[in-house]
């Protein structure tokens, strides 16, 4: 399936993003090419859609990286050091900064060198898969090795369509915007979010001090249902609609029920409240149950051979 470039550029949201390209590149390119100049405010501005005019969901997910600016500058210096193989520097940078993955690192690369690096995130990947552009990877490939392959595909696509990589990244939004405009995208995800919030509300009500064959843990819902629905929407946007533990793309209403979104308490002894919630794939929630989050992630890494 090809891309209708003319149709994509006729959408106001995409046209606006493309028009901001030079302004954003001028603002952030110099500090990512020379990270010794990168200030905390520069980084926060980069995370903000109001400043980057291109990527949503970066702000909450990536802000903690700025707690140690020296470490962040070191990671970006490694990432943009073109004397090193791309896969090596990508993996090294990713390992230096917790909570920062391809959806944050690849826009940094695009801003630093807009003619050499494309973006890999929760918008571009499903669109590439749907259009059969998504590549195969050797077994056991690291994220850096995968990105090196993905970037080659993005470079070829930009060349084939005679557009720059910034414009290509904006065009991936076409299908999502069309679904939003028809209400399909909003309805599917809203239903999934509402179902998670409703289940959390019921679980909290049923667990308050009940005594059956054993004492049921007290789980409180420490926000209104409306607040929880809004919060879950934010969590999904931040994670690009991926499972918070595995990174797998979630399906609001897809053919595989096990990839539906499921609400998990990070600390199973804790409550339903901001900071203790994550959205994971249904099968991951079933596997994890009451296992401590850190321990479950450790065991999963062993299974993956990491």
C-alpha atoms as a PDB file:
ATOM      1  CA  UNK A   1       0.000   0.000   0.000  1.00  0.00           C
ATOM      2  CA  UNK A   2       1.520   3.300  -1.081  1.00  0.00           C
ATOM      3  CA  UNK A   3       1.176   6.746   0.471  1.00  0.00           C
ATOM      4  CA  UNK A   4      -0.952   9.497  -1.045  1.00  0.00           C
ATOM      5  CA  UNK A   5       1.446  12.381  -0.395  1.00  0.00           C
ATOM      6  CA  UNK A   6      -0.843  15.032  -1.860  1.00  0.00           C
ATOM      7  CA  UNK A   7      -3.768  13.893   0.281  1.00  0.00           C
ATOM      8  CA  UNK A   8      -1.624  13.788   3.413  1.00  0.00           C
ATOM      9  CA  UNK A   9      -0.319  17.307   2.872  1.00  0.00           C
ATOM     10  CA  UNK A  10      -3.880  18.567   2.407  1.00  0.00           C
ATOM     11  CA  UNK A  11      -4.666  17.781   6.058  1.00  0.00           C
ATOM     12  CA  UNK A  12      -4.270  20.965   8.143  1.00  0.00           C
ATOM     13  CA  UNK A  13      -2.473  19.241  11.036  1.00  0.00           C
ATOM     14  CA  UNK A  14       0.152  17.710   8.769  1.00  0.00           C
ATOM     15  CA  UNK A  15       0.522  20.838   6.667  1.00  0.00           C
ATOM     16  CA  UNK A  16       1.075  22.877   9.841  1.00  0.00           C
ATOM     17  CA  UNK A  17       3.717  20.475  11.148  1.00  0.00           C
ATOM     18  CA  UNK A  18       5.599  20.522   7.837  1.00  0.00           C
ATOM     19  CA  UNK A  19       5.515  24.324   7.775  1.00  0.00           C
ATOM     20  CA  UNK A  20       7.251  24.431  11.191  1.00  0.00           C
ATOM     21  CA  UNK A  21      10.180  22.254  10.049  1.00  0.00           C
ATOM     22  CA  UNK A  22      12.833  24.928   9.541  1.00  0.00           C
ATOM     23  CA  UNK A  23      11.890  26.757  12.740  1.00  0.00           C
ATOM     24  CA  UNK A  24      12.199  23.591  14.841  1.00  0.00           C
ATOM     25  CA  UNK A  25      15.405  22.420  13.176  1.00  0.00           C
ATOM     26  CA  UNK A  26      16.984  25.809  13.770  1.00  0.00           C
ATOM     27  CA  UNK A  27      15.903  25.741  17.428  1.00  0.00           C
ATOM     28  CA  UNK A  28      17.043  22.230  18.368  1.00  0.00           C
ATOM     29  CA  UNK A  29      19.569  21.117  15.748  1.00  0.00           C
ATOM     30  CA  UNK A  30      22.549  23.014  17.225  1.00  0.00           C
ATOM     31  CA  UNK A  31      22.064  21.725  20.794  1.00  0.00           C
ATOM     32  CA  UNK A  32      21.717  18.097  19.717  1.00  0.00           C
ATOM     33  CA  UNK A  33      24.749  18.336  17.424  1.00  0.00           C
ATOM     34  CA  UNK A  34      26.712  19.867  20.314  1.00  0.00           C
ATOM     35  CA  UNK A  35      25.136  18.457  23.508  1.00  0.00           C
ATOM     36  CA  UNK A  36      27.560  20.369  25.735  1.00  0.00           C
ATOM     37  CA  UNK A  37      25.225  23.319  25.002  1.00  0.00           C
ATOM     38  CA  UNK A  38      22.064  21.386  25.961  1.00  0.00           C
ATOM     39  CA  UNK A  39      20.305  22.975  28.937  1.00  0.00           C
ATOM     40  CA  UNK A  40      17.490  21.525  30.983  1.00  0.00           C
ATOM     41  CA  UNK A  41      15.107  24.070  29.430  1.00  0.00           C
ATOM     42  CA  UNK A  42      16.251  23.083  25.929  1.00  0.00           C
ATOM     43  CA  UNK A  43      15.402  19.485  26.726  1.00  0.00           C
ATOM     44  CA  UNK A  44      12.020  20.320  28.253  1.00  0.00           C
ATOM     45  CA  UNK A  45      11.197  22.440  25.198  1.00  0.00           C
ATOM     46  CA  UNK A  46      12.123  19.524  22.943  1.00  0.00           C
ATOM     47  CA  UNK A  47       9.702  17.262  24.830  1.00  0.00           C
ATOM     48  CA  UNK A  48       6.845  19.740  24.492  1.00  0.00           C
ATOM     49  CA  UNK A  49       4.569  19.478  21.449  1.00  0.00           C
ATOM     50  CA  UNK A  50       4.055  23.257  21.673  1.00  0.00           C
ATOM     51  CA  UNK A  51       7.768  23.645  20.941  1.00  0.00           C
ATOM     52  CA  UNK A  52       8.622  20.645  18.764  1.00  0.00           C
ATOM     53  CA  UNK A  53       5.388  20.936  16.674  1.00  0.00           C
ATOM     54  CA  UNK A  54       5.685  17.283  15.776  1.00  0.00           C
ATOM     55  CA  UNK A  55       5.666  14.700  18.591  1.00  0.00           C
ATOM     56  CA  UNK A  56       3.138  14.221  21.353  1.00  0.00           C
ATOM     57  CA  UNK A  57       3.540  12.067  24.443  1.00  0.00           C
ATOM     58  CA  UNK A  58       7.236  12.804  25.046  1.00  0.00           C
ATOM     59  CA  UNK A  59       6.855  15.255  27.894  1.00  0.00           C
ATOM     60  CA  UNK A  60       5.819  13.134  30.868  1.00  0.00           C
ATOM     61  CA  UNK A  61       7.730  10.052  29.748  1.00  0.00           C
ATOM     62  CA  UNK A  62      11.077  11.769  29.270  1.00  0.00           C
ATOM     63  CA  UNK A  63      11.196  14.498  31.904  1.00  0.00           C
ATOM     64  CA  UNK A  64      12.953  12.360  34.527  1.00  0.00           C
ATOM     65  CA  UNK A  65      16.022  12.149  32.263  1.00  0.00           C
ATOM     66  CA  UNK A  66      16.660  15.830  33.039  1.00  0.00           C
ATOM     67  CA  UNK A  67      17.227  15.035  36.720  1.00  0.00           C
ATOM     68  CA  UNK A  68      20.846  14.328  35.786  1.00  0.00           C
ATOM     69  CA  UNK A  69      21.745  16.681  32.975  1.00  0.00           C
ATOM     70  CA  UNK A  70      25.385  15.619  32.894  1.00  0.00           C
ATOM     71  CA  UNK A  71      24.325  12.040  32.245  1.00  0.00           C
ATOM     72  CA  UNK A  72      21.766  13.174  29.650  1.00  0.00           C
ATOM     73  CA  UNK A  73      24.362  15.260  27.800  1.00  0.00           C
ATOM     74  CA  UNK A  74      26.717  12.286  27.837  1.00  0.00           C
ATOM     75  CA  UNK A  75      23.993  10.035  26.391  1.00  0.00           C
ATOM     76  CA  UNK A  76      23.144  12.509  23.609  1.00  0.00           C
ATOM     77  CA  UNK A  77      26.853  12.992  22.850  1.00  0.00           C
ATOM     78  CA  UNK A  78      27.158   9.240  22.371  1.00  0.00           C
ATOM     79  CA  UNK A  79      23.956   9.070  20.312  1.00  0.00           C
ATOM     80  CA  UNK A  80      25.015  11.757  17.837  1.00  0.00           C
ATOM     81  CA  UNK A  81      28.680  10.717  17.549  1.00  0.00           C
ATOM     82  CA  UNK A  82      28.800   9.665  13.903  1.00  0.00           C
ATOM     83  CA  UNK A  83      32.300   8.212  14.204  1.00  0.00           C
ATOM     84  CA  UNK A  84      30.638   5.206  15.896  1.00  0.00           C
ATOM     85  CA  UNK A  85      28.319   2.621  14.293  1.00  0.00           C
ATOM     86  CA  UNK A  86      24.690   3.704  14.586  1.00  0.00           C
ATOM     87  CA  UNK A  87      23.521   0.548  16.346  1.00  0.00           C
ATOM     88  CA  UNK A  88      26.274   0.766  18.974  1.00  0.00           C
ATOM     89  CA  UNK A  89      25.699   4.396  19.867  1.00  0.00           C
ATOM     90  CA  UNK A  90      21.925   3.961  19.884  1.00  0.00           C
ATOM     91  CA  UNK A  91      22.116   1.061  22.354  1.00  0.00           C
ATOM     92  CA  UNK A  92      24.729   2.827  24.474  1.00  0.00           C
ATOM     93  CA  UNK A  93      22.663   6.012  24.703  1.00  0.00           C
ATOM     94  CA  UNK A  94      19.513   4.053  25.528  1.00  0.00           C
ATOM     95  CA  UNK A  95      21.260   2.228  28.368  1.00  0.00           C
ATOM     96  CA  UNK A  96      22.472   5.478  29.914  1.00  0.00           C
ATOM     97  CA  UNK A  97      19.045   7.081  30.358  1.00  0.00           C
ATOM     98  CA  UNK A  98      16.161   5.236  31.989  1.00  0.00           C
ATOM     99  CA  UNK A  99      12.705   5.724  30.466  1.00  0.00           C
ATOM    100  CA  UNK A 100      14.035   7.076  27.181  1.00  0.00           C
ATOM    101  CA  UNK A 101      13.611   4.793  24.174  1.00  0.00           C
ATOM    102  CA  UNK A 102      13.364   4.965  20.376  1.00  0.00           C
ATOM    103  CA  UNK A 103      10.409   7.380  20.437  1.00  0.00           C
ATOM    104  CA  UNK A 104      12.641   9.986  22.142  1.00  0.00           C
ATOM    105  CA  UNK A 105      16.082   9.111  20.793  1.00  0.00           C
ATOM    106  CA  UNK A 106      15.166   9.018  17.098  1.00  0.00           C
ATOM    107  CA  UNK A 107      13.616  12.531  17.050  1.00  0.00           C
ATOM    108  CA  UNK A 108      16.875  13.778  18.622  1.00  0.00           C
ATOM    109  CA  UNK A 109      18.773  12.224  15.741  1.00  0.00           C
ATOM    110  CA  UNK A 110      16.420  13.696  13.153  1.00  0.00           C
ATOM    111  CA  UNK A 111      16.777  17.168  14.665  1.00  0.00           C
ATOM    112  CA  UNK A 112      20.565  16.875  14.767  1.00  0.00           C
ATOM    113  CA  UNK A 113      20.945  15.486  11.239  1.00  0.00           C
ATOM    114  CA  UNK A 114      17.604  15.839   9.399  1.00  0.00           C
ATOM    115  CA  UNK A 115      18.895  14.357   6.152  1.00  0.00           C
ATOM    116  CA  UNK A 116      20.227  11.162   7.747  1.00  0.00           C
ATOM    117  CA  UNK A 117      17.837   9.874  10.414  1.00  0.00           C
ATOM    118  CA  UNK A 118      14.126   9.068  10.510  1.00  0.00           C
ATOM    119  CA  UNK A 119      11.817   8.482  13.452  1.00  0.00           C
ATOM    120  CA  UNK A 120      10.774   5.135  14.895  1.00  0.00           C
ATOM    121  CA  UNK A 121       7.835   5.382  17.283  1.00  0.00           C
ATOM    122  CA  UNK A 122       4.304   4.182  17.948  1.00  0.00           C
ATOM    123  CA  UNK A 123       2.973   6.123  14.965  1.00  0.00           C
ATOM    124  CA  UNK A 124       5.532   5.251  12.293  1.00  0.00           C
ATOM    125  CA  UNK A 125       5.871   1.548  13.136  1.00  0.00           C
ATOM    126  CA  UNK A 126       2.192   0.527  12.798  1.00  0.00           C
ATOM    127  CA  UNK A 127       1.842   2.619   9.649  1.00  0.00           C
ATOM    128  CA  UNK A 128       4.907   0.958   8.141  1.00  0.00           C
ATOM    129  CA  UNK A 129       3.586  -2.466   9.121  1.00  0.00           C
ATOM    130  CA  UNK A 130       0.162  -1.726   7.655  1.00  0.00           C
ATOM    131  CA  UNK A 131       1.724  -0.562   4.384  1.00  0.00           C
ATOM    132  CA  UNK A 132       4.161  -3.505   4.310  1.00  0.00           C
ATOM    133  CA  UNK A 133       7.249  -1.354   4.655  1.00  0.00           C
ATOM    134  CA  UNK A 134       8.253  -2.824   8.013  1.00  0.00           C
ATOM    135  CA  UNK A 135      11.505  -4.844   7.724  1.00  0.00           C
ATOM    136  CA  UNK A 136      12.442  -8.207   9.196  1.00  0.00           C
ATOM    137  CA  UNK A 137      15.206  -8.360  11.812  1.00  0.00           C
ATOM    138  CA  UNK A 138      17.785 -11.032  12.571  1.00  0.00           C
ATOM    139  CA  UNK A 139      16.872 -13.044  15.653  1.00  0.00           C
ATOM    140  CA  UNK A 140      18.100 -11.429  18.862  1.00  0.00           C
ATOM    141  CA  UNK A 141      18.625  -7.967  17.340  1.00  0.00           C
ATOM    142  CA  UNK A 142      19.047  -5.127  19.813  1.00  0.00           C
ATOM    143  CA  UNK A 143      16.985  -1.933  19.520  1.00  0.00           C
ATOM    144  CA  UNK A 144      20.009  -0.244  17.986  1.00  0.00           C
ATOM    145  CA  UNK A 145      20.404  -2.953  15.365  1.00  0.00           C
ATOM    146  CA  UNK A 146      16.695  -2.788  14.601  1.00  0.00           C
ATOM    147  CA  UNK A 147      16.792   0.996  14.266  1.00  0.00           C
ATOM    148  CA  UNK A 148      19.725   0.819  11.870  1.00  0.00           C
ATOM    149  CA  UNK A 149      17.581  -1.367   9.589  1.00  0.00           C
ATOM    150  CA  UNK A 150      14.425   0.722  10.088  1.00  0.00           C
ATOM    151  CA  UNK A 151      16.350   3.902   9.321  1.00  0.00           C
ATOM    152  CA  UNK A 152      17.571   2.462   6.029  1.00  0.00           C
ATOM    153  CA  UNK A 153      13.957   1.800   5.054  1.00  0.00           C
ATOM    154  CA  UNK A 154      12.942   5.336   6.056  1.00  0.00           C
ATOM    155  CA  UNK A 155      15.767   6.842   4.013  1.00  0.00           C
ATOM    156  CA  UNK A 156      14.710   4.840   0.972  1.00  0.00           C
ATOM    157  CA  UNK A 157      11.062   5.824   1.392  1.00  0.00           C
ATOM    158  CA  UNK A 158      11.917   9.517   1.669  1.00  0.00           C
ATOM    159  CA  UNK A 159      13.997   9.225  -1.485  1.00  0.00           C
ATOM    160  CA  UNK A 160      11.297   7.307  -3.365  1.00  0.00           C
ATOM    161  CA  UNK A 161       8.590   9.822  -2.399  1.00  0.00           C
ATOM    162  CA  UNK A 162      10.939  12.791  -2.949  1.00  0.00           C
ATOM    163  CA  UNK A 163      10.270  14.255   0.475  1.00  0.00           C
ATOM    164  CA  UNK A 164      12.478  14.967   3.483  1.00  0.00           C
ATOM    165  CA  UNK A 165      12.475  12.815   6.623  1.00  0.00           C
ATOM    166  CA  UNK A 166      10.615  15.426   8.703  1.00  0.00           C
ATOM    167  CA  UNK A 167       7.776  15.458   6.170  1.00  0.00           C
ATOM    168  CA  UNK A 168       7.759  11.660   5.980  1.00  0.00           C
ATOM    169  CA  UNK A 169       7.393  11.466   9.756  1.00  0.00           C
ATOM    170  CA  UNK A 170       4.496  13.931   9.666  1.00  0.00           C
ATOM    171  CA  UNK A 171       2.749  11.961   6.919  1.00  0.00           C
ATOM    172  CA  UNK A 172       2.544   8.833   9.109  1.00  0.00           C
ATOM    173  CA  UNK A 173      -0.162  10.724  11.018  1.00  0.00           C
ATOM    174  CA  UNK A 174      -2.508  10.700   8.029  1.00  0.00           C
ATOM    175  CA  UNK A 175      -4.306   7.439   8.881  1.00  0.00           C
ATOM    176  CA  UNK A 176      -4.563   8.310  12.562  1.00  0.00           C
ATOM    177  CA  UNK A 177      -6.010  11.742  11.805  1.00  0.00           C
ATOM    178  CA  UNK A 178      -8.541  10.258   9.402  1.00  0.00           C
ATOM    179  CA  UNK A 179      -9.659   7.754  12.055  1.00  0.00           C
ATOM    180  CA  UNK A 180      -9.966  10.549  14.616  1.00  0.00           C
ATOM    181  CA  UNK A 181     -11.980  12.681  12.224  1.00  0.00           C
ATOM    182  CA  UNK A 182     -14.448   9.845  11.632  1.00  0.00           C
ATOM    183  CA  UNK A 183     -14.611   9.006  15.349  1.00  0.00           C
ATOM    184  CA  UNK A 184     -13.373   5.447  14.846  1.00  0.00           C
ATOM    185  CA  UNK A 185      -9.997   5.910  16.549  1.00  0.00           C
ATOM    186  CA  UNK A 186     -11.469   7.824  19.464  1.00  0.00           C
ATOM    187  CA  UNK A 187     -14.328   5.400  19.999  1.00  0.00           C
ATOM    188  CA  UNK A 188     -12.175   2.254  20.055  1.00  0.00           C
ATOM    189  CA  UNK A 189      -9.628   3.605  22.494  1.00  0.00           C
ATOM    190  CA  UNK A 190     -12.193   5.425  24.602  1.00  0.00           C
ATOM    191  CA  UNK A 191     -14.097   2.169  25.044  1.00  0.00           C
ATOM    192  CA  UNK A 192     -10.901   0.362  26.043  1.00  0.00           C
ATOM    193  CA  UNK A 193      -9.932   3.108  28.509  1.00  0.00           C
ATOM    194  CA  UNK A 194     -13.431   3.269  29.970  1.00  0.00           C
ATOM    195  CA  UNK A 195     -13.424  -0.527  30.466  1.00  0.00           C
ATOM    196  CA  UNK A 196     -10.130  -0.374  32.389  1.00  0.00           C
ATOM    197  CA  UNK A 197     -11.383   2.485  34.574  1.00  0.00           C
ATOM    198  CA  UNK A 198     -14.689   0.722  35.213  1.00  0.00           C
ATOM    199  CA  UNK A 199     -12.919  -2.492  36.255  1.00  0.00           C
ATOM    200  CA  UNK A 200     -10.619  -0.548  38.583  1.00  0.00           C
ATOM    201  CA  UNK A 201     -13.624   1.130  40.202  1.00  0.00           C
ATOM    202  CA  UNK A 202     -15.375  -2.209  40.715  1.00  0.00           C
ATOM    203  CA  UNK A 203     -12.248  -3.882  42.075  1.00  0.00           C
ATOM    204  CA  UNK A 204     -11.692  -1.065  44.571  1.00  0.00           C
ATOM    205  CA  UNK A 205     -15.280  -1.222  45.792  1.00  0.00           C
ATOM    206  CA  UNK A 206     -15.213  -5.003  46.177  1.00  0.00           C
ATOM    207  CA  UNK A 207     -11.881  -5.144  48.043  1.00  0.00           C
ATOM    208  CA  UNK A 208     -12.515  -2.702  50.887  1.00  0.00           C
ATOM    209  CA  UNK A 209     -11.956  -4.891  53.923  1.00  0.00           C
ATOM    210  CA  UNK A 210     -13.806  -7.965  52.671  1.00  0.00           C
ATOM    211  CA  UNK A 211     -13.207 -11.161  54.611  1.00  0.00           C
ATOM    212  CA  UNK A 212     -13.796 -14.377  52.734  1.00  0.00           C
ATOM    213  CA  UNK A 213     -11.521 -17.436  52.966  1.00  0.00           C
ATOM    214  CA  UNK A 214      -8.699 -14.920  53.285  1.00  0.00           C
ATOM    215  CA  UNK A 215      -8.401 -11.199  53.823  1.00  0.00           C
ATOM    216  CA  UNK A 216      -8.715  -9.421  50.486  1.00  0.00           C
ATOM    217  CA  UNK A 217      -6.151  -6.645  50.027  1.00  0.00           C
ATOM    218  CA  UNK A 218      -7.581  -3.167  50.373  1.00  0.00           C
ATOM    219  CA  UNK A 219      -7.279  -1.399  47.020  1.00  0.00           C
ATOM    220  CA  UNK A 220      -8.509   2.175  46.925  1.00  0.00           C
ATOM    221  CA  UNK A 221      -9.309   4.228  43.850  1.00  0.00           C
ATOM    222  CA  UNK A 222      -7.730   7.529  44.828  1.00  0.00           C
ATOM    223  CA  UNK A 223      -9.150   9.620  41.997  1.00  0.00           C
ATOM    224  CA  UNK A 224     -12.522   9.999  40.382  1.00  0.00           C
ATOM    225  CA  UNK A 225     -13.434   7.722  37.520  1.00  0.00           C
ATOM    226  CA  UNK A 226     -13.324  10.719  35.164  1.00  0.00           C
ATOM    227  CA  UNK A 227      -9.819  11.600  36.385  1.00  0.00           C
ATOM    228  CA  UNK A 228      -8.722   7.990  35.945  1.00  0.00           C
ATOM    229  CA  UNK A 229     -10.038   7.919  32.361  1.00  0.00           C
ATOM    230  CA  UNK A 230      -8.078  11.081  31.546  1.00  0.00           C
ATOM    231  CA  UNK A 231      -4.961   9.716  33.246  1.00  0.00           C
ATOM    232  CA  UNK A 232      -5.100   6.427  31.357  1.00  0.00           C
ATOM    233  CA  UNK A 233      -5.385   8.340  28.102  1.00  0.00           C
ATOM    234  CA  UNK A 234      -2.209  10.236  29.028  1.00  0.00           C
ATOM    235  CA  UNK A 235      -0.358   7.031  29.913  1.00  0.00           C
ATOM    236  CA  UNK A 236      -1.265   5.479  26.570  1.00  0.00           C
ATOM    237  CA  UNK A 237      -0.235   8.592  24.630  1.00  0.00           C
ATOM    238  CA  UNK A 238       3.089   8.759  26.470  1.00  0.00           C
ATOM    239  CA  UNK A 239       3.855   5.133  25.700  1.00  0.00           C
ATOM    240  CA  UNK A 240       2.723   5.454  22.064  1.00  0.00           C
ATOM    241  CA  UNK A 241       0.003   2.894  22.859  1.00  0.00           C
ATOM    242  CA  UNK A 242       2.570   0.249  23.783  1.00  0.00           C
ATOM    243  CA  UNK A 243       2.678  -2.163  26.701  1.00  0.00           C
ATOM    244  CA  UNK A 244       4.621  -0.441  29.499  1.00  0.00           C
ATOM    245  CA  UNK A 245       6.604  -3.614  30.241  1.00  0.00           C
ATOM    246  CA  UNK A 246       7.231  -5.285  26.875  1.00  0.00           C
ATOM    247  CA  UNK A 247       6.929  -2.394  24.424  1.00  0.00           C
ATOM    248  CA  UNK A 248       4.472  -4.395  22.310  1.00  0.00           C
ATOM    249  CA  UNK A 249       1.885  -2.380  20.417  1.00  0.00           C
ATOM    250  CA  UNK A 250      -1.501  -2.662  22.101  1.00  0.00           C
ATOM    251  CA  UNK A 251      -4.763  -3.205  20.243  1.00  0.00           C
ATOM    252  CA  UNK A 252      -7.870  -1.314  21.298  1.00  0.00           C
ATOM    253  CA  UNK A 253     -10.089  -3.628  19.300  1.00  0.00           C
ATOM    254  CA  UNK A 254      -7.809  -5.901  17.318  1.00  0.00           C
ATOM    255  CA  UNK A 255      -7.947  -9.602  16.459  1.00  0.00           C
ATOM    256  CA  UNK A 256      -5.645 -10.687  19.313  1.00  0.00           C
ATOM    257  CA  UNK A 257      -7.406 -10.334  22.681  1.00  0.00           C
ATOM    258  CA  UNK A 258      -4.139 -10.844  24.553  1.00  0.00           C
ATOM    259  CA  UNK A 259      -2.806  -7.560  23.163  1.00  0.00           C
ATOM    260  CA  UNK A 260      -5.738  -5.557  24.523  1.00  0.00           C
ATOM    261  CA  UNK A 261      -4.765  -2.911  27.098  1.00  0.00           C
ATOM    262  CA  UNK A 262      -4.968  -3.947  30.746  1.00  0.00           C
ATOM    263  CA  UNK A 263      -4.526  -1.762  33.821  1.00  0.00           C
ATOM    264  CA  UNK A 264      -1.777  -2.882  36.201  1.00  0.00           C
ATOM    265  CA  UNK A 265      -0.737  -1.553  39.586  1.00  0.00           C
ATOM    266  CA  UNK A 266       3.061  -1.278  39.599  1.00  0.00           C
ATOM    267  CA  UNK A 267       3.073  -2.077  43.319  1.00  0.00           C
ATOM    268  CA  UNK A 268       0.369  -4.707  43.719  1.00  0.00           C
ATOM    269  CA  UNK A 269       0.083  -3.821  47.412  1.00  0.00           C
ATOM    270  CA  UNK A 270      -0.563  -0.184  46.486  1.00  0.00           C
ATOM    271  CA  UNK A 271      -3.663   1.627  45.344  1.00  0.00           C
ATOM    272  CA  UNK A 272      -5.150   2.872  42.100  1.00  0.00           C
ATOM    273  CA  UNK A 273      -3.459   6.255  42.024  1.00  0.00           C
ATOM    274  CA  UNK A 274      -1.188   8.347  39.823  1.00  0.00           C
ATOM    275  CA  UNK A 275       2.346   7.005  39.818  1.00  0.00           C
ATOM    276  CA  UNK A 276       1.308   3.451  40.647  1.00  0.00           C
ATOM    277  CA  UNK A 277      -0.435   2.606  37.389  1.00  0.00           C
ATOM    278  CA  UNK A 278       0.749   1.332  34.031  1.00  0.00           C
ATOM    279  CA  UNK A 279      -1.057  -0.045  30.988  1.00  0.00           C
ATOM    280  CA  UNK A 280       0.198  -3.438  29.844  1.00  0.00           C
ATOM    281  CA  UNK A 281      -0.894  -6.180  27.469  1.00  0.00           C
ATOM    282  CA  UNK A 282      -3.595  -8.420  28.918  1.00  0.00           C
ATOM    283  CA  UNK A 283      -1.396 -11.519  28.929  1.00  0.00           C
ATOM    284  CA  UNK A 284       1.388  -9.660  30.734  1.00  0.00           C
ATOM    285  CA  UNK A 285      -1.008  -8.652  33.512  1.00  0.00           C
ATOM    286  CA  UNK A 286      -2.128 -12.282  33.809  1.00  0.00           C
ATOM    287  CA  UNK A 287       1.461 -13.532  33.971  1.00  0.00           C
ATOM    288  CA  UNK A 288       2.599 -10.867  36.418  1.00  0.00           C
ATOM    289  CA  UNK A 289      -0.263 -11.088  38.934  1.00  0.00           C
ATOM    290  CA  UNK A 290       1.207 -10.124  42.363  1.00  0.00           C
ATOM    291  CA  UNK A 291       4.874 -10.429  41.374  1.00  0.00           C
ATOM    292  CA  UNK A 292       6.902  -7.337  42.237  1.00  0.00           C
ATOM    293  CA  UNK A 293       7.317  -5.163  39.139  1.00  0.00           C
ATOM    294  CA  UNK A 294      11.129  -5.118  39.286  1.00  0.00           C
ATOM    295  CA  UNK A 295      11.282  -8.888  39.762  1.00  0.00           C
ATOM    296  CA  UNK A 296       8.850  -9.555  36.913  1.00  0.00           C
ATOM    297  CA  UNK A 297      10.855  -7.346  34.557  1.00  0.00           C
ATOM    298  CA  UNK A 298      14.034  -9.183  35.614  1.00  0.00           C
ATOM    299  CA  UNK A 299      12.487 -12.586  34.877  1.00  0.00           C
ATOM    300  CA  UNK A 300      11.145 -11.364  31.533  1.00  0.00           C
ATOM    301  CA  UNK A 301      14.629 -10.135  30.599  1.00  0.00           C
ATOM    302  CA  UNK A 302      15.983 -13.633  31.340  1.00  0.00           C
ATOM    303  CA  UNK A 303      13.365 -15.170  29.052  1.00  0.00           C
ATOM    304  CA  UNK A 304      14.344 -12.703  26.336  1.00  0.00           C
ATOM    305  CA  UNK A 305      18.002 -13.571  26.765  1.00  0.00           C
ATOM    306  CA  UNK A 306      18.920 -10.017  27.738  1.00  0.00           C
END
